[in-house]
Amino acid sequence: MDDMDGPEPLMSIGAFARRVGLAPSALRFYDDAGMLHPALVDAGTGYRYYSVDQESRAVLLRRLRGTGMPLTDASVVLDGPREEARAVLEAHAARAEEAAEAARAAVAEILRDLQGTAATRAVVGGAELAGAVRQVVPSTASGPAREEFPVLGRVLIELDGQEVRLAATDRYRLAVRTLRPLSLDGAGRRILVDAEELTGAAAWAVRLPEVVIEAGPQGVRLHGGDRSRPLPASEGEFPDYRLILDDLPAARHRIIADRAALRTALAGPGAAGPVVLRTDGGRLALSAPGRDAADLPAVCTGPPLHIAFSPEALLPAIDSAVGPDVLLEVSGPAAPVLVRSADQGSFTTLVMPVRQG
């Protein structure tokens, strides 16, 4: 039976267990441990019975054990002096915080290890990816420079946060194109791929409406429709291009010019050396040894400027821009120059000027 007659109603172990949220087996254990004795044990049957007055002690014991507190400490809280009970609780809370922090650190490390082996996937437009490749690949190195520094013949693919970035440099130029993917899942990735391999993949992807970039420890695989194309990872340490961009001084001069007209002036025949750009008011003048001078309309801000470029370095940056206009941001005649597309803020090229004779 659940209740017994007497001055105070008693509950069976099952009824009391339900009332205080403890299993009957736990109540038997606490009885054996001397933490919570029954109010009555039937001498004939051995059945345990509990009183209503024991409820608060049982609930407190359950809460203490729920925090992972050892029985020895729990007994101090239940039966010891108030100040000693407070000290035991504070010490237990401190240990619990340390254990929780250690557990969080361990889990975070395990998750990093798991993410290191899992692929990161980003979905981009096929034509958009092909356009980005077209813009950055011209800034990779070729010839002796690539033979000496193979990493300069590769393109860095970054999948980070909610962006896909492609970057390339030959030490005299730096091109960075940022794509906003339709979706991106997984840990951040930085993978180097060969420029020629990436160019071939771009030609494959250009007609696909969407391409899945799947990046893992071994490289990149592009998926589109029912087809896929691998891009093996290359060895090397790509320069920290963000540090380069962040360290640029503020622009003192800005030039906005017609892109096609500037390209024609730069590519004119007969040049025997660097092309010098001069600004004065609303005009942009270009001159080079062995070539007729050119005078272009432009929007020029800042003081008059004389700056020289190798056409082989500046022309690919102009070609990679999109839209009718191109923007040059210049901090000085010997500092790197930012060449931006006036119609596309997601693409940036950095070009080094040359010394004027």
Protein backbone atom coordinates (compact mmCIF):
# COMPACT_ATOMS: atom_id res chain seq x y z
CA MET A 1 0.00 0.00 0.00
CA ASP A 2 1.06 3.65 -0.55
CA ASP A 3 -0.14 5.11 2.74
CA MET A 4 -0.10 3.93 6.36
CA ASP A 5 -2.39 5.02 9.18
CA GLY A 6 -0.85 7.04 12.03
CA PRO A 7 -0.23 10.53 13.25
CA GLU A 8 1.50 11.35 9.93
CA PRO A 9 0.68 9.69 6.60
CA LEU A 10 3.58 7.73 5.15
CA MET A 11 4.34 6.99 1.50
CA SER A 12 5.73 3.86 -0.06
CA ILE A 13 9.15 4.14 -1.67
CA GLY A 14 7.52 4.23 -5.12
CA ALA A 15 5.14 7.05 -4.24
CA PHE A 16 7.87 9.05 -2.52
CA ALA A 17 10.24 8.50 -5.44
CA ARG A 18 7.69 9.97 -7.86
CA ARG A 19 7.05 12.89 -5.54
CA VAL A 20 10.71 13.94 -5.17
CA GLY A 21 12.00 12.97 -8.64
CA LEU A 22 14.31 10.16 -7.55
CA ALA A 23 14.35 6.53 -8.62
CA PRO A 24 13.52 3.94 -5.92
CA SER A 25 16.98 2.45 -6.46
CA ALA A 26 18.52 5.87 -5.67
CA LEU A 27 16.49 6.08 -2.45
CA ARG A 28 17.75 2.64 -1.41
CA PHE A 29 21.32 3.75 -2.15
CA TYR A 30 20.96 6.94 -0.10
CA ASP A 31 19.53 4.86 2.74
CA ASP A 32 22.53 2.53 2.67
CA ALA A 33 24.88 5.54 2.48
CA GLY A 34 23.26 7.14 5.53
CA MET A 35 22.11 10.21 3.58
CA LEU A 36 18.34 9.66 3.64
CA HIS A 37 16.88 6.98 5.89
CA PRO A 38 13.20 5.97 5.53
CA ALA A 39 10.81 7.14 8.22
CA LEU A 40 9.78 3.50 8.70
CA VAL A 41 10.92 0.07 7.56
CA ASP A 42 8.36 -2.73 7.85
CA ALA A 43 10.01 -5.40 10.02
CA GLY A 44 8.13 -8.20 8.29
CA THR A 45 8.40 -7.22 4.64
CA GLY A 46 11.42 -4.86 4.63
CA TYR A 47 9.39 -2.27 2.75
CA ARG A 48 10.58 1.35 3.18
CA TYR A 49 8.15 4.22 3.90
CA TYR A 50 8.81 7.96 3.83
CA SER A 51 7.11 10.99 5.36
CA VAL A 52 6.16 14.31 3.81
CA ASP A 53 8.69 16.05 6.07
CA GLN A 54 11.52 14.24 4.22
CA GLU A 55 10.58 15.73 0.87
CA SER A 56 12.72 18.90 1.11
CA ARG A 57 15.83 16.91 2.10
CA ALA A 58 15.31 14.44 -0.75
CA VAL A 59 14.85 17.24 -3.31
CA LEU A 60 17.96 19.06 -2.09
CA LEU A 61 19.95 15.85 -2.25
CA ARG A 62 18.73 15.26 -5.81
CA ARG A 63 19.77 18.78 -6.84
CA LEU A 64 23.21 18.45 -5.25
CA ARG A 65 23.83 15.12 -6.95
CA GLY A 66 22.61 16.61 -10.22
CA THR A 67 25.56 19.01 -10.11
CA GLY A 68 27.95 16.10 -9.77
CA MET A 69 28.73 16.78 -6.10
CA PRO A 70 30.31 13.87 -4.21
CA LEU A 71 28.34 12.40 -1.29
CA THR A 72 30.93 13.57 1.22
CA ASP A 73 30.42 17.18 0.17
CA ALA A 74 26.66 16.73 -0.10
CA SER A 75 26.52 15.54 3.48
CA VAL A 76 28.20 18.78 4.63
CA VAL A 77 25.61 20.85 2.77
CA LEU A 78 22.77 18.74 4.22
CA ASP A 79 23.94 18.50 7.82
CA GLY A 80 26.97 20.74 8.38
CA PRO A 81 27.23 24.34 9.63
CA ARG A 82 25.90 27.00 7.28
CA GLU A 83 29.28 28.64 6.62
CA GLU A 84 30.93 25.29 5.94
CA ALA A 85 28.10 24.38 3.56
CA ARG A 86 28.59 27.69 1.69
CA ALA A 87 32.34 27.04 1.35
CA VAL A 88 31.70 23.54 -0.01
CA LEU A 89 29.20 24.86 -2.56
CA GLU A 90 31.52 27.64 -3.76
CA ALA A 91 34.46 25.26 -4.12
CA HIS A 92 32.29 22.81 -6.05
CA ALA A 93 31.05 25.58 -8.37
CA ALA A 94 34.66 26.61 -9.12
CA ARG A 95 35.63 23.02 -9.94
CA ALA A 96 32.57 22.66 -12.16
CA GLU A 97 33.48 25.81 -14.11
CA GLU A 98 37.04 24.56 -14.65
CA ALA A 99 35.76 21.18 -15.81
CA ALA A 100 33.25 22.81 -18.17
CA GLU A 101 35.94 25.03 -19.70
CA ALA A 102 38.24 22.05 -20.19
CA ALA A 103 35.39 20.14 -21.83
CA ARG A 104 34.60 23.04 -24.16
CA ALA A 105 38.25 23.31 -25.20
CA ALA A 106 38.45 19.56 -25.84
CA VAL A 107 35.25 19.55 -27.89
CA ALA A 108 36.39 22.58 -29.89
CA GLU A 109 39.67 20.85 -30.72
CA ILE A 110 37.84 17.70 -31.80
CA LEU A 111 35.50 19.77 -33.98
CA ARG A 112 38.47 21.50 -35.61
CA ASP A 113 40.00 18.12 -36.37
CA LEU A 114 36.73 16.90 -37.85
CA GLN A 115 36.35 20.05 -39.93
CA GLY A 116 39.90 19.64 -41.17
CA THR A 117 38.91 16.38 -42.87
CA ALA A 118 35.42 17.43 -43.99
CA ALA A 119 34.98 19.23 -47.30
CA THR A 120 33.78 22.84 -47.52
CA ARG A 121 31.17 23.46 -50.21
CA ALA A 122 30.25 26.72 -51.92
CA VAL A 123 27.76 27.25 -54.75
CA VAL A 124 28.52 30.00 -57.30
CA GLY A 125 27.39 30.88 -60.80
CA GLY A 126 29.47 29.19 -63.49
CA ALA A 127 29.87 32.35 -65.57
CA GLU A 128 30.72 34.35 -62.45
CA LEU A 129 33.47 31.89 -61.50
CA ALA A 130 34.86 31.93 -65.04
CA GLY A 131 34.89 35.74 -65.02
CA ALA A 132 36.78 35.80 -61.72
CA VAL A 133 39.39 33.39 -63.10
CA ARG A 134 39.79 35.56 -66.20
CA GLN A 135 40.45 38.58 -63.99
CA VAL A 136 43.03 37.11 -61.60
CA VAL A 137 45.04 34.64 -63.73
CA PRO A 138 46.85 37.39 -65.73
CA SER A 139 48.52 38.44 -62.46
CA THR A 140 50.28 35.09 -62.06
CA ALA A 141 53.97 34.86 -62.94
CA SER A 142 55.42 33.15 -65.99
CA GLY A 143 58.85 32.35 -67.35
CA PRO A 144 61.93 32.62 -65.09
CA ALA A 145 60.00 34.23 -62.22
CA ARG A 146 57.65 31.25 -62.07
CA GLU A 147 60.52 28.79 -62.31
CA GLU A 148 62.26 30.48 -59.39
CA PHE A 149 59.08 30.93 -57.33
CA PRO A 150 56.52 28.28 -58.39
CA VAL A 151 53.92 29.64 -55.94
CA LEU A 152 53.65 32.78 -58.09
CA GLY A 153 52.22 30.66 -60.90
CA ARG A 154 49.33 29.53 -58.74
CA VAL A 155 46.02 31.02 -57.71
CA LEU A 156 44.85 31.08 -54.11
CA ILE A 157 41.24 30.00 -53.60
CA GLU A 158 39.79 31.04 -50.25
CA LEU A 159 36.44 29.93 -48.87
CA ASP A 160 35.87 31.97 -45.76
CA GLY A 161 32.77 33.14 -43.92
CA GLN A 162 30.32 34.03 -46.69
CA GLU A 163 32.87 34.80 -49.42
CA VAL A 164 34.85 32.98 -52.08
CA ARG A 165 38.06 34.82 -53.01
CA LEU A 166 40.59 34.25 -55.79
CA ALA A 167 44.01 35.91 -55.53
CA ALA A 168 47.15 35.88 -57.68
CA THR A 169 50.41 37.81 -57.75
CA ASP A 170 53.72 37.94 -59.64
CA ARG A 171 55.29 40.37 -57.10
CA TYR A 172 54.64 43.36 -59.39
CA ARG A 173 50.88 42.87 -59.63
CA LEU A 174 48.27 41.56 -57.23
CA ALA A 175 44.72 40.69 -58.28
CA VAL A 176 41.91 39.80 -55.87
CA ARG A 177 38.33 38.96 -56.88
CA THR A 178 35.60 38.33 -54.31
CA LEU A 179 32.49 36.26 -55.07
CA ARG A 180 29.33 36.10 -53.02
CA PRO A 181 28.27 32.45 -53.14
CA LEU A 182 24.67 31.31 -53.22
CA SER A 183 25.57 29.13 -50.23
CA LEU A 184 28.70 28.19 -48.28
CA ASP A 185 28.97 25.42 -45.71
CA GLY A 186 32.00 24.18 -43.80
CA ALA A 187 35.23 25.41 -42.29
CA GLY A 188 37.40 28.10 -43.86
CA ARG A 189 39.76 26.85 -46.59
CA ARG A 190 42.87 28.21 -48.35
CA ILE A 191 43.99 26.11 -51.31
CA LEU A 192 46.56 26.83 -54.03
CA VAL A 193 45.82 25.56 -57.54
CA ASP A 194 47.80 25.75 -60.77
CA ALA A 195 46.83 28.72 -62.96
CA GLU A 196 46.58 26.64 -66.16
CA GLU A 197 44.45 24.01 -64.42
CA LEU A 198 42.14 26.74 -63.12
CA THR A 199 41.88 28.36 -66.56
CA GLY A 200 40.80 25.04 -68.06
CA ALA A 201 38.25 24.56 -65.29
CA ALA A 202 36.87 28.06 -65.94
CA ALA A 203 36.33 27.23 -69.62
CA TRP A 204 34.47 24.08 -68.49
CA ALA A 205 32.33 26.00 -65.96
CA VAL A 206 31.41 29.08 -67.99
CA ARG A 207 28.25 27.57 -69.52
CA LEU A 208 26.98 25.98 -66.32
CA PRO A 209 24.25 27.87 -64.41
CA GLU A 210 25.74 26.84 -61.05
CA VAL A 211 28.99 25.27 -59.94
CA VAL A 212 29.67 23.64 -56.58
CA ILE A 213 33.20 24.31 -55.29
CA GLU A 214 34.10 21.42 -52.99
CA ALA A 215 37.35 22.14 -51.14
CA GLY A 216 39.15 19.61 -48.95
CA PRO A 217 42.68 18.78 -47.78
CA GLN A 218 43.64 17.28 -51.16
CA GLY A 219 42.39 20.09 -53.36
CA VAL A 220 39.27 21.37 -55.07
CA ARG A 221 36.64 19.56 -57.11
CA LEU A 222 34.11 21.46 -59.18
CA HIS A 223 30.66 19.95 -59.70
CA GLY A 224 28.13 21.07 -62.27
CA GLY A 225 25.08 19.11 -63.37
CA ASP A 226 26.16 15.48 -63.62
CA ARG A 227 29.81 16.33 -64.27
CA SER A 228 32.78 17.19 -62.10
CA ARG A 229 36.35 18.38 -62.57
CA PRO A 230 39.26 18.04 -60.10
CA LEU A 231 41.73 20.80 -59.21
CA PRO A 232 44.60 19.22 -57.26
CA ALA A 233 46.14 21.24 -54.43
CA SER A 234 49.63 22.66 -55.02
CA GLU A 235 52.37 23.10 -52.47
CA GLY A 236 53.59 26.51 -51.39
CA GLU A 237 52.94 29.46 -49.08
CA PHE A 238 51.00 32.23 -50.79
CA PRO A 239 51.98 35.80 -49.79
CA ASP A 240 49.75 37.48 -47.21
CA TYR A 241 47.91 39.69 -49.66
CA ARG A 242 45.60 41.11 -46.99
CA LEU A 243 48.58 42.50 -45.11
CA ILE A 244 49.76 44.15 -48.32
CA LEU A 245 46.38 45.77 -48.95
CA ASP A 246 45.93 46.82 -45.33
CA ASP A 247 49.35 48.52 -45.27
CA LEU A 248 48.68 50.71 -48.30
CA PRO A 249 48.83 54.42 -47.48
CA ALA A 250 45.79 56.57 -48.18
CA ALA A 251 45.32 57.61 -51.79
CA ARG A 252 46.39 61.18 -52.63
CA HIS A 253 45.44 60.99 -56.32
CA ARG A 254 42.47 59.43 -58.10
CA ILE A 255 42.14 59.03 -61.84
CA ILE A 256 38.94 57.90 -63.57
CA ALA A 257 39.45 57.36 -67.30
CA ASP A 258 37.78 55.68 -70.24
CA ARG A 259 39.04 52.11 -70.05
CA ALA A 260 39.16 51.41 -73.78
CA ALA A 261 40.90 54.72 -74.56
CA LEU A 262 43.47 54.18 -71.81
CA ARG A 263 44.12 50.67 -73.04
CA THR A 264 44.64 51.88 -76.62
CA ALA A 265 47.09 54.53 -75.46
CA LEU A 266 49.04 52.03 -73.36
CA ALA A 267 49.18 49.40 -76.11
CA GLY A 268 50.24 51.75 -78.90
CA PRO A 269 53.17 50.60 -81.06
CA GLY A 270 56.73 51.81 -80.89
CA ALA A 271 57.23 52.15 -77.12
CA ALA A 272 60.79 51.52 -75.98
CA GLY A 273 60.34 51.82 -72.23
CA PRO A 274 57.95 52.70 -69.42
CA VAL A 275 54.84 54.75 -70.05
CA VAL A 276 54.60 57.93 -67.99
CA LEU A 277 51.18 59.14 -66.85
CA ARG A 278 50.76 62.82 -66.02
CA THR A 279 47.69 64.45 -64.55
CA ASP A 280 46.85 68.10 -64.58
CA GLY A 281 43.31 69.25 -64.00
CA GLY A 282 40.87 67.28 -66.12
CA ARG A 283 43.40 65.70 -68.51
CA LEU A 284 45.51 62.55 -68.44
CA ALA A 285 48.66 62.62 -70.61
CA LEU A 286 50.62 59.48 -71.56
CA SER A 287 54.11 59.49 -73.04
CA ALA A 288 56.82 56.94 -73.73
CA PRO A 289 60.11 56.88 -75.63
CA GLY A 290 59.51 56.19 -79.31
CA ARG A 291 55.77 56.79 -79.10
CA ASP A 292 53.49 59.71 -79.84
CA ALA A 293 52.05 61.31 -76.72
CA ALA A 294 48.39 60.75 -75.94
CA ASP A 295 46.06 63.13 -74.19
CA LEU A 296 42.87 61.67 -72.66
CA PRO A 297 39.95 63.26 -70.84
CA ALA A 298 39.80 62.05 -67.23
CA VAL A 299 38.51 62.90 -63.80
CA CYS A 300 41.64 63.63 -61.75
CA THR A 301 41.67 64.56 -58.09
CA GLY A 302 44.66 65.51 -55.98
CA PRO A 303 47.80 67.48 -56.90
CA PRO A 304 49.49 67.05 -60.30
CA LEU A 305 51.05 63.60 -60.67
CA HIS A 306 53.87 62.03 -62.67
CA ILE A 307 54.01 58.23 -62.43
CA ALA A 308 55.52 55.55 -64.69
CA PHE A 309 54.43 51.98 -65.42
CA SER A 310 55.65 49.06 -67.42
CA PRO A 311 52.91 48.48 -70.02
CA GLU A 312 53.25 44.73 -69.44
CA ALA A 313 52.20 45.27 -65.82
CA LEU A 314 49.48 47.89 -66.22
CA LEU A 315 47.76 46.58 -69.36
CA PRO A 316 46.52 43.28 -67.85
CA ALA A 317 45.08 45.23 -64.92
CA ILE A 318 43.19 47.50 -67.32
CA ASP A 319 42.02 44.50 -69.36
CA SER A 320 40.76 42.70 -66.25
CA ALA A 321 38.51 45.56 -65.23
CA VAL A 322 34.89 45.61 -66.35
CA GLY A 323 32.68 48.44 -67.51
CA PRO A 324 33.55 51.54 -69.53
CA ASP A 325 35.64 53.28 -66.85
CA VAL A 326 38.65 52.39 -64.76
CA LEU A 327 39.76 53.94 -61.47
CA LEU A 328 43.39 54.37 -60.39
CA GLU A 329 44.09 55.22 -56.74
CA VAL A 330 47.63 56.51 -56.21
CA SER A 331 49.31 57.33 -52.92
CA GLY A 332 52.66 58.34 -54.48
CA PRO A 333 54.87 57.82 -57.56
CA ALA A 334 56.76 54.93 -55.92
CA ALA A 335 53.88 53.25 -54.02
CA PRO A 336 51.67 50.42 -55.26
CA VAL A 337 48.67 51.66 -57.25
CA LEU A 338 45.18 50.26 -56.87
CA VAL A 339 43.44 49.68 -60.18
CA ARG A 340 39.73 49.23 -59.59
CA SER A 341 36.81 48.54 -61.83
CA ALA A 342 34.48 51.51 -61.53
CA ASP A 343 31.50 49.17 -61.99
CA GLN A 344 32.65 46.21 -59.89
CA GLY A 345 33.82 46.78 -56.33
CA SER A 346 34.55 43.10 -55.80
CA PHE A 347 37.67 43.17 -58.01
CA THR A 348 40.93 44.89 -57.11
CA THR A 349 44.32 44.89 -58.82
CA LEU A 350 47.51 46.22 -57.29
CA VAL A 351 50.23 47.35 -59.74
CA MET A 352 53.76 48.49 -58.90
CA PRO A 353 54.98 51.59 -60.74
CA VAL A 354 58.55 51.79 -62.07
CA ARG A 355 61.25 54.33 -61.43
CA GLN A 356 61.39 57.21 -63.87
CA GLY A 357 64.76 57.70 -65.56
